[in-house]
């Protein structure tokens, strides 16, 4: 049963509204003030919150602000319920992230329709969209609700990127967010002497290049195709309309992004403390887990020794020597620039 939290300080209004919602088949929890409402929201995790603005102890704006700081409550649809009808109050609530705004007195149908609408949108944006170009178009169409699919497809052209060609350069200003339709892309930083360190590996279905856009700064790394690839650029305006237009949209988009920060933190720890041999084995395992085809018995990938060294964070010569040792140990096989992993489980279990 759908759970609704009603936060209202007026006893008569709270009782009447609660009765309407209960008769409509909702499981209703009530709180007499903002402080109690925040505590109850954290305990119950309701499907939707209806909250008065003018309340003692903590007003509705404070409730929305506090719940928005908690990951477990930030994405819950939030409807303001108030006797104040001034436009500036409406704008303040919506700018803070409220999903809707009802003015008292209201009709029963207005309340129920607002709840139904917000629950449907929440369900829409909480679903798992396929990590394909069609999935991106579907997500954008649902999130914006303005452009039809044809216009979106015309706007978001697929751009071919030949092998070793750059998608964007370190120091450039972002024009939007990239989505990898096909192929493999590396993110890398270059030292003053031109040595590369690979910071990220992207596969089909990944978004990339969004950090600089969020921070409103230039790219801190470059992106280059490891093989012939296809990317789709989602323009800056579309990206921000998705991110800021609705709490559910923000939550859904965040779920589509890979856990890049945690990966990079782990990468830095490994770089600092692990032996080169262990880092090479971890790089090979990472490539296999990132790009393996479920139909492959033994994972193979065409990758230059320079790029592998860029992932490991060491010299090309050291990578070549380590791969030679792995070949002697029958962990891998090599033909030209193609590396085939023969025993993935042993690579994972290497301790030094």
Protein backbone atom coordinates (compact mmCIF):
# COMPACT_ATOMS: atom_id res chain seq x y z
CA UNK A 1 0.00 0.00 0.00
CA UNK A 2 1.26 3.48 -0.89
CA UNK A 3 2.43 5.32 2.21
CA UNK A 4 1.78 9.06 2.59
CA UNK A 5 3.23 11.32 5.26
CA UNK A 6 1.01 14.31 6.08
CA UNK A 7 2.70 17.12 8.07
CA UNK A 8 0.10 19.67 9.21
CA UNK A 9 -0.14 21.66 12.45
CA UNK A 10 -3.87 22.43 12.23
CA UNK A 11 -5.65 19.48 13.94
CA UNK A 12 -8.90 19.84 11.99
CA UNK A 13 -7.13 20.15 8.62
CA UNK A 14 -4.85 17.25 9.50
CA UNK A 15 -7.77 15.01 10.47
CA UNK A 16 -9.91 15.90 7.44
CA UNK A 17 -7.07 15.49 4.94
CA UNK A 18 -5.96 12.24 6.56
CA UNK A 19 -9.51 10.88 6.28
CA UNK A 20 -9.72 11.78 2.57
CA UNK A 21 -6.43 9.99 1.90
CA UNK A 22 -7.37 6.93 3.94
CA UNK A 23 -10.70 6.60 2.09
CA UNK A 24 -8.75 6.77 -1.18
CA UNK A 25 -6.81 3.69 -0.10
CA UNK A 26 -3.55 5.22 1.13
CA UNK A 27 -1.63 4.30 4.27
CA UNK A 28 -1.47 7.68 6.03
CA UNK A 29 1.08 8.75 8.66
CA UNK A 30 0.63 12.16 10.28
CA UNK A 31 2.84 14.64 12.12
CA UNK A 32 1.70 17.80 13.96
CA UNK A 33 4.80 19.89 13.18
CA UNK A 34 7.88 20.03 11.01
CA UNK A 35 10.31 18.56 13.55
CA UNK A 36 8.11 15.54 14.16
CA UNK A 37 7.57 15.26 10.40
CA UNK A 38 11.30 15.03 9.64
CA UNK A 39 11.75 12.34 12.30
CA UNK A 40 8.77 10.35 10.98
CA UNK A 41 9.97 10.64 7.36
CA UNK A 42 13.32 9.15 8.33
CA UNK A 43 11.66 6.33 10.24
CA UNK A 44 8.92 5.45 7.74
CA UNK A 45 10.42 6.45 4.34
CA UNK A 46 7.04 7.34 2.81
CA UNK A 47 6.27 7.21 -0.90
CA UNK A 48 5.15 10.86 -0.90
CA UNK A 49 5.10 13.76 1.58
CA UNK A 50 2.40 16.43 1.91
CA UNK A 51 3.56 19.30 4.08
CA UNK A 52 2.14 22.60 5.34
CA UNK A 53 4.45 25.63 5.15
CA UNK A 54 3.54 27.80 8.14
CA UNK A 55 4.17 25.59 11.20
CA UNK A 56 5.74 25.98 14.65
CA UNK A 57 9.22 24.64 15.53
CA UNK A 58 10.15 24.00 11.90
CA UNK A 59 8.35 25.32 8.83
CA UNK A 60 7.78 23.48 5.57
CA UNK A 61 10.82 25.01 3.89
CA UNK A 62 12.98 23.71 6.73
CA UNK A 63 11.44 20.25 6.40
CA UNK A 64 12.18 20.16 2.66
CA UNK A 65 15.74 21.39 3.23
CA UNK A 66 16.56 18.80 5.91
CA UNK A 67 15.03 15.87 4.02
CA UNK A 68 16.83 16.96 0.86
CA UNK A 69 20.18 16.49 2.61
CA UNK A 70 19.53 12.81 3.37
CA UNK A 71 20.04 10.34 0.48
CA UNK A 72 17.23 8.09 1.72
CA UNK A 73 14.65 10.92 1.73
CA UNK A 74 15.96 13.34 -0.91
CA UNK A 75 14.07 11.70 -3.77
CA UNK A 76 10.66 11.41 -2.09
CA UNK A 77 8.00 13.44 -3.98
CA UNK A 78 7.11 16.53 -1.93
CA UNK A 79 3.88 18.55 -2.12
CA UNK A 80 3.44 21.83 -0.25
CA UNK A 81 0.03 22.43 1.28
CA UNK A 82 -0.59 26.00 2.43
CA UNK A 83 -3.09 28.83 2.78
CA UNK A 84 -0.56 31.26 1.34
CA UNK A 85 -1.05 31.87 -2.36
CA UNK A 86 1.50 34.60 -3.10
CA UNK A 87 3.64 33.90 -6.14
CA UNK A 88 6.94 34.44 -4.33
CA UNK A 89 6.08 31.65 -1.85
CA UNK A 90 5.23 29.36 -4.73
CA UNK A 91 8.54 30.12 -6.47
CA UNK A 92 10.57 29.66 -3.29
CA UNK A 93 9.09 26.23 -2.68
CA UNK A 94 9.61 25.04 -6.24
CA UNK A 95 13.15 26.42 -6.40
CA UNK A 96 13.99 24.47 -3.25
CA UNK A 97 12.89 21.25 -4.95
CA UNK A 98 9.19 20.82 -4.13
CA UNK A 99 7.31 18.82 -6.75
CA UNK A 100 3.91 20.50 -6.42
CA UNK A 101 2.01 23.17 -4.52
CA UNK A 102 -1.63 23.11 -3.37
CA UNK A 103 -3.39 26.15 -1.91
CA UNK A 104 -5.95 25.77 0.89
CA UNK A 105 -8.88 25.50 0.62
CA UNK A 106 -8.63 22.80 -2.04
CA UNK A 107 -11.02 20.36 -3.65
CA UNK A 108 -10.69 16.68 -2.78
CA UNK A 109 -10.10 15.89 -6.45
CA UNK A 110 -7.24 18.44 -6.61
CA UNK A 111 -5.42 16.72 -3.77
CA UNK A 112 -5.90 13.19 -5.10
CA UNK A 113 -4.96 14.17 -8.66
CA UNK A 114 -1.78 15.89 -7.46
CA UNK A 115 -0.77 12.81 -5.47
CA UNK A 116 -1.55 10.44 -8.34
CA UNK A 117 0.42 12.57 -10.79
CA UNK A 118 3.49 12.79 -8.54
CA UNK A 119 3.48 9.07 -7.77
CA UNK A 120 3.32 8.21 -11.49
CA UNK A 121 6.25 10.52 -12.23
CA UNK A 122 8.24 9.06 -9.35
CA UNK A 123 7.63 5.56 -10.69
CA UNK A 124 8.65 6.70 -14.18
CA UNK A 125 11.98 8.12 -13.07
CA UNK A 126 12.78 5.34 -10.61
CA UNK A 127 12.59 2.66 -13.27
CA UNK A 128 15.80 1.22 -14.70
CA UNK A 129 16.30 2.66 -18.16
CA UNK A 130 18.31 0.51 -20.59
CA UNK A 131 21.89 1.75 -20.99
CA UNK A 132 21.46 2.28 -24.73
CA UNK A 133 20.85 5.30 -26.95
CA UNK A 134 17.14 4.44 -27.01
CA UNK A 135 17.22 4.32 -23.22
CA UNK A 136 18.77 7.78 -23.05
CA UNK A 137 16.20 9.19 -25.45
CA UNK A 138 13.41 7.54 -23.46
CA UNK A 139 14.75 8.97 -20.20
CA UNK A 140 15.17 12.49 -21.62
CA UNK A 141 11.71 12.44 -23.15
CA UNK A 142 10.11 11.38 -19.87
CA UNK A 143 12.14 13.85 -17.84
CA UNK A 144 11.53 16.91 -19.94
CA UNK A 145 8.03 16.13 -21.17
CA UNK A 146 8.37 18.82 -23.85
CA UNK A 147 9.98 17.43 -26.98
CA UNK A 148 8.81 14.41 -28.90
CA UNK A 149 11.21 11.57 -29.60
CA UNK A 150 11.79 12.62 -33.19
CA UNK A 151 13.06 16.06 -32.17
CA UNK A 152 15.29 14.54 -29.53
CA UNK A 153 16.82 12.13 -32.02
CA UNK A 154 17.45 14.98 -34.44
CA UNK A 155 19.11 17.03 -31.70
CA UNK A 156 21.23 14.21 -30.28
CA UNK A 157 23.15 13.05 -33.33
CA UNK A 158 25.50 10.08 -33.09
CA UNK A 159 29.08 11.18 -33.74
CA UNK A 160 31.65 8.66 -35.07
CA UNK A 161 35.04 8.81 -33.33
CA UNK A 162 37.91 6.97 -35.09
CA UNK A 163 40.49 5.09 -33.03
CA UNK A 164 42.98 7.41 -31.25
CA UNK A 165 40.82 10.46 -32.01
CA UNK A 166 40.01 12.76 -29.11
CA UNK A 167 36.45 13.41 -27.92
CA UNK A 168 37.50 16.38 -25.78
CA UNK A 169 40.77 17.90 -24.55
CA UNK A 170 41.96 18.75 -21.06
CA UNK A 171 41.45 22.49 -20.48
CA UNK A 172 38.51 22.85 -22.92
CA UNK A 173 35.07 24.05 -21.81
CA UNK A 174 32.29 21.42 -21.92
CA UNK A 175 29.34 21.81 -24.29
CA UNK A 176 27.32 19.00 -22.77
CA UNK A 177 27.45 15.44 -21.48
CA UNK A 178 28.67 12.55 -23.62
CA UNK A 179 27.01 9.16 -23.88
CA UNK A 180 28.99 6.25 -25.33
CA UNK A 181 26.82 4.46 -27.90
CA UNK A 182 29.46 2.06 -29.19
CA UNK A 183 33.13 1.29 -28.61
CA UNK A 184 35.62 2.04 -25.84
CA UNK A 185 36.84 5.41 -24.56
CA UNK A 186 39.65 6.21 -22.14
CA UNK A 187 39.89 9.26 -19.89
CA UNK A 188 43.49 10.31 -19.26
CA UNK A 189 45.71 13.03 -17.86
CA UNK A 190 49.07 14.03 -19.34
CA UNK A 191 52.14 15.07 -17.38
CA UNK A 192 54.41 17.95 -18.38
CA UNK A 193 56.73 15.50 -20.14
CA UNK A 194 53.83 13.95 -22.07
CA UNK A 195 53.38 10.76 -20.01
CA UNK A 196 49.78 9.58 -19.83
CA UNK A 197 47.91 8.26 -16.81
CA UNK A 198 44.54 6.67 -17.61
CA UNK A 199 41.95 7.76 -15.05
CA UNK A 200 38.78 6.17 -16.47
CA UNK A 201 37.62 3.49 -18.88
CA UNK A 202 34.20 3.89 -20.49
CA UNK A 203 32.09 1.25 -22.20
CA UNK A 204 28.84 1.25 -24.15
CA UNK A 205 26.07 2.78 -22.04
CA UNK A 206 28.33 5.06 -19.98
CA UNK A 207 27.97 8.82 -19.51
CA UNK A 208 31.22 10.78 -19.31
CA UNK A 209 32.49 14.35 -19.29
CA UNK A 210 29.82 15.52 -16.83
CA UNK A 211 32.05 16.50 -13.87
CA UNK A 212 33.39 19.64 -15.53
CA UNK A 213 29.86 20.64 -16.51
CA UNK A 214 28.63 20.27 -12.93
CA UNK A 215 31.57 22.25 -11.56
CA UNK A 216 31.25 24.87 -14.34
CA UNK A 217 34.94 24.59 -15.15
CA UNK A 218 37.21 23.16 -17.85
CA UNK A 219 37.90 19.47 -18.36
CA UNK A 220 40.58 18.15 -16.00
CA UNK A 221 41.35 15.24 -18.31
CA UNK A 222 41.07 14.26 -21.97
CA UNK A 223 38.96 11.53 -23.61
CA UNK A 224 40.17 9.42 -26.52
CA UNK A 225 38.82 6.42 -28.42
CA UNK A 226 40.59 3.12 -27.77
CA UNK A 227 38.85 1.71 -30.85
CA UNK A 228 36.42 3.03 -33.48
CA UNK A 229 33.55 4.38 -31.38
CA UNK A 230 30.29 6.32 -31.53
CA UNK A 231 29.24 8.97 -29.03
CA UNK A 232 26.17 11.12 -28.50
CA UNK A 233 26.44 14.65 -27.10
CA UNK A 234 23.55 15.67 -24.82
CA UNK A 235 23.57 19.50 -24.95
CA UNK A 236 24.24 21.51 -21.80
CA UNK A 237 20.72 23.00 -21.64
CA UNK A 238 19.10 19.56 -21.84
CA UNK A 239 21.40 18.20 -19.16
CA UNK A 240 20.62 20.97 -16.69
CA UNK A 241 16.90 20.84 -17.42
CA UNK A 242 17.07 17.17 -16.44
CA UNK A 243 19.15 17.77 -13.36
CA UNK A 244 17.35 20.77 -11.90
CA UNK A 245 13.80 20.30 -13.15
CA UNK A 246 12.69 17.63 -10.71
CA UNK A 247 14.07 15.78 -7.68
CA UNK A 248 13.14 12.45 -9.24
CA UNK A 249 15.02 13.34 -12.41
CA UNK A 250 18.13 14.18 -10.39
CA UNK A 251 17.95 10.89 -8.52
CA UNK A 252 17.37 8.89 -11.72
CA UNK A 253 20.27 10.54 -13.53
CA UNK A 254 22.60 9.96 -10.60
CA UNK A 255 21.68 6.26 -10.64
CA UNK A 256 22.63 6.08 -14.33
CA UNK A 257 26.13 7.36 -13.60
CA UNK A 258 28.86 4.91 -12.61
CA UNK A 259 30.33 5.16 -9.13
CA UNK A 260 33.30 7.02 -10.54
CA UNK A 261 34.49 8.76 -7.39
CA UNK A 262 34.79 5.56 -5.34
CA UNK A 263 36.58 3.84 -8.22
CA UNK A 264 39.14 6.62 -8.49
CA UNK A 265 39.77 6.65 -4.74
CA UNK A 266 40.44 2.91 -4.82
CA UNK A 267 42.65 3.40 -7.87
CA UNK A 268 44.81 5.94 -6.00
CA UNK A 269 45.19 3.58 -3.02
CA UNK A 270 46.28 0.72 -5.28
CA UNK A 271 48.71 2.98 -7.10
CA UNK A 272 50.29 4.03 -3.81
CA UNK A 273 50.59 0.65 -2.07
CA UNK A 274 50.44 -2.25 -4.54
CA UNK A 275 53.41 -3.80 -6.34
CA UNK A 276 53.70 -3.31 -10.10
CA UNK A 277 52.97 -7.00 -10.68
CA UNK A 278 49.77 -6.73 -8.65
CA UNK A 279 48.75 -3.50 -10.39
CA UNK A 280 49.22 -5.12 -13.83
CA UNK A 281 47.05 -8.07 -12.79
CA UNK A 282 44.40 -5.68 -11.41
CA UNK A 283 44.46 -3.69 -14.66
CA UNK A 284 43.87 -6.86 -16.69
CA UNK A 285 41.04 -7.92 -14.37
CA UNK A 286 39.53 -4.43 -14.65
CA UNK A 287 39.62 -4.60 -18.46
CA UNK A 288 38.00 -8.05 -18.41
CA UNK A 289 35.24 -6.98 -16.02
CA UNK A 290 34.67 -3.75 -17.92
CA UNK A 291 34.64 -5.05 -21.48
CA UNK A 292 34.14 -8.83 -21.44
CA UNK A 293 31.51 -10.43 -23.63
CA UNK A 294 29.45 -13.07 -21.85
CA UNK A 295 29.91 -15.34 -24.88
CA UNK A 296 33.72 -15.23 -24.59
CA UNK A 297 35.41 -18.16 -22.88
CA UNK A 298 38.72 -16.32 -22.53
CA UNK A 299 38.69 -12.53 -22.59
CA UNK A 300 40.77 -10.91 -25.34
CA UNK A 301 41.37 -7.25 -26.03
CA UNK A 302 43.50 -5.30 -28.43
CA UNK A 303 45.29 -2.75 -26.27
CA UNK A 304 48.65 -1.10 -26.73
CA UNK A 305 51.31 -1.59 -24.07
CA UNK A 306 51.42 2.19 -23.69
CA UNK A 307 47.72 2.32 -22.80
CA UNK A 308 48.10 -0.57 -20.37
CA UNK A 309 51.04 1.22 -18.76
CA UNK A 310 48.81 4.29 -18.49
CA UNK A 311 46.27 2.28 -16.49
CA UNK A 312 48.91 0.70 -14.26
CA UNK A 313 50.83 3.94 -13.70
CA UNK A 314 54.27 2.65 -14.68
CA UNK A 315 56.61 2.51 -17.68
CA UNK A 316 55.83 0.63 -20.87
CA UNK A 317 58.99 -1.47 -20.44
CA UNK A 318 57.89 -2.62 -16.96
CA UNK A 319 54.47 -3.64 -18.30
CA UNK A 320 56.08 -5.63 -21.12
CA UNK A 321 58.34 -7.50 -18.67
CA UNK A 322 55.42 -8.26 -16.33
CA UNK A 323 53.24 -9.51 -19.19
CA UNK A 324 56.08 -11.77 -20.28
CA UNK A 325 56.18 -13.25 -16.77
CA UNK A 326 52.40 -13.73 -16.86
CA UNK A 327 52.71 -15.50 -20.20
CA UNK A 328 55.33 -17.89 -18.77
CA UNK A 329 52.96 -18.58 -15.87
CA UNK A 330 50.16 -19.28 -18.40
CA UNK A 331 48.01 -16.49 -17.01
CA UNK A 332 47.82 -14.70 -20.37
CA UNK A 333 48.65 -15.18 -24.02
CA UNK A 334 49.74 -12.46 -26.44
CA UNK A 335 49.62 -12.05 -30.20
CA UNK A 336 50.74 -8.63 -31.36
CA UNK A 337 48.85 -6.03 -29.32
CA UNK A 338 46.06 -8.49 -28.40
CA UNK A 339 46.14 -9.85 -24.86
CA UNK A 340 44.11 -12.95 -23.98
CA UNK A 341 43.47 -13.76 -20.34
CA UNK A 342 43.74 -17.51 -19.84
CA UNK A 343 43.11 -17.70 -16.09
CA UNK A 344 41.08 -14.79 -14.76
CA UNK A 345 40.53 -16.36 -11.33
CA UNK A 346 44.27 -16.76 -10.72
CA UNK A 347 44.85 -13.15 -11.75
CA UNK A 348 42.23 -12.03 -9.24
CA UNK A 349 43.89 -14.02 -6.46
CA UNK A 350 47.42 -12.73 -6.93
CA UNK A 351 48.70 -11.30 -3.65
CA UNK A 352 51.96 -9.67 -4.78
